[in-house]
Amino acid sequence: MKLIFAIINNDDSHSVQSALTKSGFQATKLASSGGFLMAGNTTFMICSEDDKVDEVLDVIRTHSHKRQQFVPNASSSFSGGAYTSFPVEVTVGGATVFVTNIERFEKV
């Protein structure tokens, strides 16, 4: 058995959850936030048989997408007597996935 932690951007959360359910996988959904952009994420905990892990990962890959987003630049520049901040474009979204072994799994 494997435990899959999948951290998904909130924009893709519903699509991933629906696809997992449709594919027969059960997931526990947790609200989380990222440290870099402090943006909302959803962390899914999915228990799977070893031979089904690739199927779970395919569902996640298909339904979580990277996208470009502008965020305020942390460094400011001094121009004309005022500090200004210029937005920078960063890539957000996609998924961060961890797969771990499970010694014991019970559903009571």
N, C-alpha and C. Protein backbone atom coordinates (compact mmCIF):
# COMPACT_ATOMS: atom_id res chain seq x y z
N MET A 1 0.85 -1.18 0.00
CA MET A 1 0.00 0.00 0.00
C MET A 1 0.89 1.24 0.00
N LYS A 2 0.38 2.27 -0.64
CA LYS A 2 1.07 3.56 -0.70
C LYS A 2 0.13 4.66 -0.24
N LEU A 3 0.72 5.70 0.35
CA LEU A 3 -0.02 6.91 0.69
C LEU A 3 0.52 8.02 -0.20
N ILE A 4 -0.36 8.63 -0.95
CA ILE A 4 0.01 9.69 -1.88
C ILE A 4 -0.48 11.02 -1.32
N PHE A 5 0.46 11.94 -1.12
CA PHE A 5 0.13 13.31 -0.75
C PHE A 5 0.25 14.14 -2.02
N ALA A 6 -0.84 14.75 -2.46
CA ALA A 6 -0.82 15.56 -3.67
C ALA A 6 -1.26 16.98 -3.32
N ILE A 7 -0.35 17.93 -3.50
CA ILE A 7 -0.65 19.33 -3.20
C ILE A 7 -1.02 20.00 -4.52
N ILE A 8 -2.27 20.45 -4.59
CA ILE A 8 -2.86 20.94 -5.83
C ILE A 8 -3.30 22.39 -5.65
N ASN A 9 -3.12 23.21 -6.67
CA ASN A 9 -3.62 24.58 -6.66
C ASN A 9 -5.14 24.55 -6.52
N ASN A 10 -5.70 25.48 -5.74
CA ASN A 10 -7.15 25.51 -5.54
C ASN A 10 -7.94 25.60 -6.85
N ASP A 11 -7.35 26.23 -7.87
CA ASP A 11 -8.05 26.34 -9.16
C ASP A 11 -8.31 24.99 -9.79
N ASP A 12 -7.48 23.99 -9.48
CA ASP A 12 -7.62 22.65 -10.07
C ASP A 12 -8.23 21.63 -9.11
N SER A 13 -8.44 22.03 -7.88
CA SER A 13 -8.85 21.11 -6.83
C SER A 13 -10.14 20.34 -7.16
N HIS A 14 -11.16 21.04 -7.59
CA HIS A 14 -12.44 20.39 -7.87
C HIS A 14 -12.32 19.38 -9.02
N SER A 15 -11.59 19.77 -10.05
CA SER A 15 -11.40 18.89 -11.20
C SER A 15 -10.66 17.61 -10.81
N VAL A 16 -9.61 17.76 -10.00
CA VAL A 16 -8.84 16.60 -9.55
C VAL A 16 -9.70 15.69 -8.68
N GLN A 17 -10.44 16.30 -7.75
CA GLN A 17 -11.29 15.51 -6.86
C GLN A 17 -12.34 14.74 -7.64
N SER A 18 -12.99 15.38 -8.57
CA SER A 18 -14.01 14.71 -9.38
C SER A 18 -13.42 13.56 -10.18
N ALA A 19 -12.26 13.79 -10.78
CA ALA A 19 -11.62 12.75 -11.59
C ALA A 19 -11.16 11.57 -10.73
N LEU A 20 -10.65 11.85 -9.54
CA LEU A 20 -10.25 10.76 -8.65
C LEU A 20 -11.46 9.91 -8.27
N THR A 21 -12.55 10.57 -7.92
CA THR A 21 -13.77 9.85 -7.54
C THR A 21 -14.30 9.03 -8.72
N LYS A 22 -14.31 9.63 -9.89
CA LYS A 22 -14.80 8.94 -11.09
C LYS A 22 -13.94 7.71 -11.42
N SER A 23 -12.65 7.78 -11.08
CA SER A 23 -11.73 6.67 -11.33
C SER A 23 -11.74 5.64 -10.21
N GLY A 24 -12.56 5.87 -9.18
CA GLY A 24 -12.71 4.90 -8.10
C GLY A 24 -11.75 5.08 -6.93
N PHE A 25 -11.08 6.23 -6.86
CA PHE A 25 -10.16 6.48 -5.75
C PHE A 25 -10.81 7.39 -4.72
N GLN A 26 -10.59 7.06 -3.46
CA GLN A 26 -11.09 7.90 -2.38
C GLN A 26 -9.94 8.76 -1.87
N ALA A 27 -10.25 9.99 -1.52
CA ALA A 27 -9.21 10.90 -1.06
C ALA A 27 -9.73 11.73 0.11
N THR A 28 -8.83 12.03 1.02
CA THR A 28 -9.12 12.98 2.09
C THR A 28 -8.56 14.31 1.63
N LYS A 29 -9.38 15.34 1.75
CA LYS A 29 -9.05 16.66 1.23
C LYS A 29 -8.77 17.61 2.39
N LEU A 30 -7.61 18.28 2.35
CA LEU A 30 -7.21 19.22 3.40
C LEU A 30 -6.91 20.58 2.77
N ALA A 31 -7.38 21.64 3.40
CA ALA A 31 -7.02 22.99 2.95
C ALA A 31 -5.59 23.27 3.41
N SER A 32 -4.79 23.87 2.52
CA SER A 32 -3.42 24.20 2.86
C SER A 32 -3.02 25.47 2.12
N SER A 33 -1.89 26.03 2.48
CA SER A 33 -1.42 27.22 1.77
C SER A 33 0.08 27.09 1.54
N GLY A 34 0.53 27.65 0.42
CA GLY A 34 1.95 27.57 0.07
C GLY A 34 2.75 28.64 0.78
N GLY A 35 4.01 28.39 0.97
CA GLY A 35 4.87 29.33 1.65
C GLY A 35 5.36 30.45 0.77
N PHE A 36 5.56 30.21 -0.53
CA PHE A 36 6.13 31.22 -1.41
C PHE A 36 5.13 32.32 -1.73
N LEU A 37 3.96 31.97 -2.24
CA LEU A 37 2.96 32.97 -2.61
C LEU A 37 1.84 33.10 -1.58
N MET A 38 1.88 32.26 -0.56
CA MET A 38 0.82 32.22 0.45
C MET A 38 -0.54 31.99 -0.22
N ALA A 39 -0.53 31.28 -1.32
CA ALA A 39 -1.75 31.02 -2.08
C ALA A 39 -2.44 29.77 -1.55
N GLY A 40 -3.73 29.70 -1.76
CA GLY A 40 -4.50 28.55 -1.31
C GLY A 40 -4.23 27.31 -2.14
N ASN A 41 -4.05 26.22 -1.47
CA ASN A 41 -3.87 24.91 -2.10
C ASN A 41 -4.82 23.93 -1.46
N THR A 42 -4.92 22.78 -2.08
CA THR A 42 -5.63 21.66 -1.48
C THR A 42 -4.66 20.49 -1.45
N THR A 43 -4.54 19.86 -0.30
CA THR A 43 -3.70 18.67 -0.18
C THR A 43 -4.62 17.45 -0.11
N PHE A 44 -4.42 16.54 -1.05
CA PHE A 44 -5.18 15.29 -1.07
C PHE A 44 -4.31 14.19 -0.48
N MET A 45 -4.90 13.37 0.40
CA MET A 45 -4.26 12.16 0.90
C MET A 45 -5.02 11.00 0.29
N ILE A 46 -4.30 10.19 -0.49
CA ILE A 46 -4.93 9.10 -1.24
C ILE A 46 -4.20 7.81 -0.90
N CYS A 47 -4.92 6.82 -0.44
CA CYS A 47 -4.34 5.51 -0.18
C CYS A 47 -4.59 4.64 -1.41
N SER A 48 -3.54 3.95 -1.86
CA SER A 48 -3.66 3.19 -3.09
C SER A 48 -2.85 1.90 -3.00
N GLU A 49 -3.32 0.90 -3.72
CA GLU A 49 -2.51 -0.31 -3.89
C GLU A 49 -1.29 0.07 -4.72
N ASP A 50 -0.19 -0.64 -4.53
CA ASP A 50 1.06 -0.32 -5.22
C ASP A 50 0.87 -0.23 -6.74
N ASP A 51 0.12 -1.17 -7.30
CA ASP A 51 -0.03 -1.22 -8.76
C ASP A 51 -0.98 -0.15 -9.31
N LYS A 52 -1.63 0.62 -8.46
CA LYS A 52 -2.55 1.68 -8.90
C LYS A 52 -1.96 3.09 -8.77
N VAL A 53 -0.74 3.20 -8.23
CA VAL A 53 -0.14 4.52 -8.01
C VAL A 53 0.00 5.29 -9.31
N ASP A 54 0.47 4.64 -10.36
CA ASP A 54 0.63 5.33 -11.65
C ASP A 54 -0.71 5.84 -12.19
N GLU A 55 -1.77 5.09 -11.94
CA GLU A 55 -3.10 5.53 -12.38
C GLU A 55 -3.53 6.79 -11.62
N VAL A 56 -3.27 6.82 -10.32
CA VAL A 56 -3.57 8.02 -9.52
C VAL A 56 -2.77 9.21 -10.05
N LEU A 57 -1.48 9.00 -10.30
CA LEU A 57 -0.62 10.08 -10.78
C LEU A 57 -1.07 10.58 -12.16
N ASP A 58 -1.54 9.68 -13.01
CA ASP A 58 -2.06 10.09 -14.33
C ASP A 58 -3.28 10.99 -14.18
N VAL A 59 -4.17 10.65 -13.25
CA VAL A 59 -5.36 11.48 -13.00
C VAL A 59 -4.92 12.88 -12.54
N ILE A 60 -3.98 12.92 -11.62
CA ILE A 60 -3.50 14.20 -11.10
C ILE A 60 -2.84 15.01 -12.20
N ARG A 61 -1.99 14.38 -13.01
CA ARG A 61 -1.31 15.08 -14.11
C ARG A 61 -2.31 15.65 -15.11
N THR A 62 -3.34 14.89 -15.42
CA THR A 62 -4.32 15.30 -16.41
C THR A 62 -5.15 16.49 -15.95
N HIS A 63 -5.40 16.59 -14.65
CA HIS A 63 -6.35 17.59 -14.14
C HIS A 63 -5.72 18.72 -13.33
N SER A 64 -4.40 18.78 -13.23
CA SER A 64 -3.76 19.92 -12.57
C SER A 64 -2.81 20.56 -13.57
N HIS A 65 -2.94 21.86 -13.74
CA HIS A 65 -2.23 22.56 -14.80
C HIS A 65 -1.39 23.71 -14.25
N LYS A 66 -0.22 23.88 -14.86
CA LYS A 66 0.61 25.04 -14.53
C LYS A 66 0.09 26.24 -15.31
N ARG A 67 0.22 27.41 -14.71
CA ARG A 67 -0.21 28.65 -15.37
C ARG A 67 0.69 29.78 -14.92
N GLN A 68 0.68 30.86 -15.66
CA GLN A 68 1.48 32.03 -15.34
C GLN A 68 0.63 33.02 -14.55
N GLN A 69 1.25 33.68 -13.56
CA GLN A 69 0.54 34.65 -12.73
C GLN A 69 1.51 35.77 -12.36
N PHE A 70 1.00 36.99 -12.32
CA PHE A 70 1.83 38.13 -11.91
C PHE A 70 1.67 38.34 -10.41
N VAL A 71 2.81 38.52 -9.73
CA VAL A 71 2.81 38.79 -8.29
C VAL A 71 3.71 39.99 -8.03
N PRO A 72 3.45 40.73 -6.95
CA PRO A 72 4.31 41.87 -6.63
C PRO A 72 5.74 41.40 -6.36
N ASN A 73 6.71 42.14 -6.88
CA ASN A 73 8.11 41.84 -6.66
C ASN A 73 8.46 42.19 -5.22
N ALA A 74 9.16 41.32 -4.54
CA ALA A 74 9.52 41.56 -3.14
C ALA A 74 10.53 42.68 -3.00
N SER A 75 11.36 42.88 -4.01
CA SER A 75 12.35 43.96 -3.93
C SER A 75 11.76 45.23 -4.54
N SER A 76 12.01 46.34 -3.91
CA SER A 76 11.50 47.62 -4.39
C SER A 76 12.66 48.45 -4.92
N SER A 77 12.37 49.34 -5.83
CA SER A 77 13.41 50.21 -6.35
C SER A 77 13.07 51.65 -6.03
N PHE A 78 14.09 52.45 -5.82
CA PHE A 78 13.89 53.85 -5.51
C PHE A 78 13.89 54.64 -6.81
N SER A 79 12.77 55.29 -7.08
CA SER A 79 12.66 56.03 -8.34
C SER A 79 11.86 57.29 -8.11
N GLY A 80 12.48 58.44 -8.34
CA GLY A 80 11.76 59.70 -8.22
C GLY A 80 11.27 60.00 -6.82
N GLY A 81 11.97 59.53 -5.82
CA GLY A 81 11.58 59.84 -4.46
C GLY A 81 10.54 58.90 -3.87
N ALA A 82 10.15 57.86 -4.61
CA ALA A 82 9.15 56.93 -4.08
C ALA A 82 9.60 55.49 -4.36
N TYR A 83 9.23 54.62 -3.48
CA TYR A 83 9.51 53.21 -3.70
C TYR A 83 8.39 52.63 -4.54
N THR A 84 8.76 51.88 -5.56
CA THR A 84 7.75 51.25 -6.40
C THR A 84 8.04 49.75 -6.47
N SER A 85 7.03 48.99 -6.69
CA SER A 85 7.17 47.56 -6.82
C SER A 85 6.65 47.14 -8.19
N PHE A 86 7.45 46.38 -8.90
CA PHE A 86 7.06 45.93 -10.22
C PHE A 86 6.65 44.47 -10.14
N PRO A 87 5.52 44.12 -10.75
CA PRO A 87 5.10 42.72 -10.71
C PRO A 87 6.03 41.84 -11.55
N VAL A 88 6.18 40.62 -11.10
CA VAL A 88 6.96 39.64 -11.85
C VAL A 88 6.05 38.46 -12.18
N GLU A 89 6.34 37.83 -13.29
CA GLU A 89 5.54 36.68 -13.71
C GLU A 89 6.16 35.40 -13.16
N VAL A 90 5.34 34.57 -12.50
CA VAL A 90 5.80 33.30 -11.94
C VAL A 90 4.88 32.18 -12.42
N THR A 91 5.39 30.98 -12.39
CA THR A 91 4.59 29.80 -12.74
C THR A 91 3.95 29.26 -11.47
N VAL A 92 2.63 29.07 -11.51
CA VAL A 92 1.90 28.50 -10.38
C VAL A 92 1.10 27.31 -10.88
N GLY A 93 0.58 26.55 -9.95
CA GLY A 93 -0.27 25.43 -10.33
C GLY A 93 0.53 24.15 -10.49
N GLY A 94 -0.05 23.24 -11.21
CA GLY A 94 0.56 21.92 -11.31
C GLY A 94 0.31 21.17 -10.02
N ALA A 95 1.16 20.23 -9.72
CA ALA A 95 1.00 19.43 -8.51
C ALA A 95 2.37 19.08 -7.94
N THR A 96 2.42 19.02 -6.62
CA THR A 96 3.58 18.48 -5.93
C THR A 96 3.09 17.21 -5.25
N VAL A 97 3.75 16.09 -5.55
CA VAL A 97 3.25 14.79 -5.09
C VAL A 97 4.34 14.03 -4.34
N PHE A 98 3.95 13.46 -3.20
CA PHE A 98 4.83 12.60 -2.41
C PHE A 98 4.16 11.24 -2.32
N VAL A 99 4.92 10.17 -2.52
CA VAL A 99 4.39 8.81 -2.39
C VAL A 99 5.21 8.11 -1.31
N THR A 100 4.51 7.60 -0.29
CA THR A 100 5.18 6.94 0.82
C THR A 100 4.59 5.55 1.03
N ASN A 101 5.36 4.70 1.66
CA ASN A 101 4.88 3.36 2.01
C ASN A 101 3.96 3.43 3.22
N ILE A 102 3.01 2.50 3.27
CA ILE A 102 2.11 2.39 4.43
C ILE A 102 2.32 1.01 5.04
N GLU A 103 2.58 1.01 6.33
CA GLU A 103 2.72 -0.25 7.04
C GLU A 103 1.38 -0.89 7.32
N ARG A 104 0.41 -0.05 7.65
CA ARG A 104 -0.91 -0.56 8.02
C ARG A 104 -1.97 0.45 7.63
N PHE A 105 -3.08 -0.07 7.12
CA PHE A 105 -4.20 0.80 6.72
C PHE A 105 -5.49 0.14 7.17
N GLU A 106 -6.29 0.87 7.90
CA GLU A 106 -7.60 0.38 8.34
C GLU A 106 -8.64 1.44 8.08
N LYS A 107 -9.81 1.01 7.72
CA LYS A 107 -10.93 1.91 7.58
C LYS A 107 -12.00 1.40 8.55
N VAL A 108 -12.17 2.13 9.64
CA VAL A 108 -13.10 1.64 10.69
C VAL A 108 -14.31 2.54 10.82
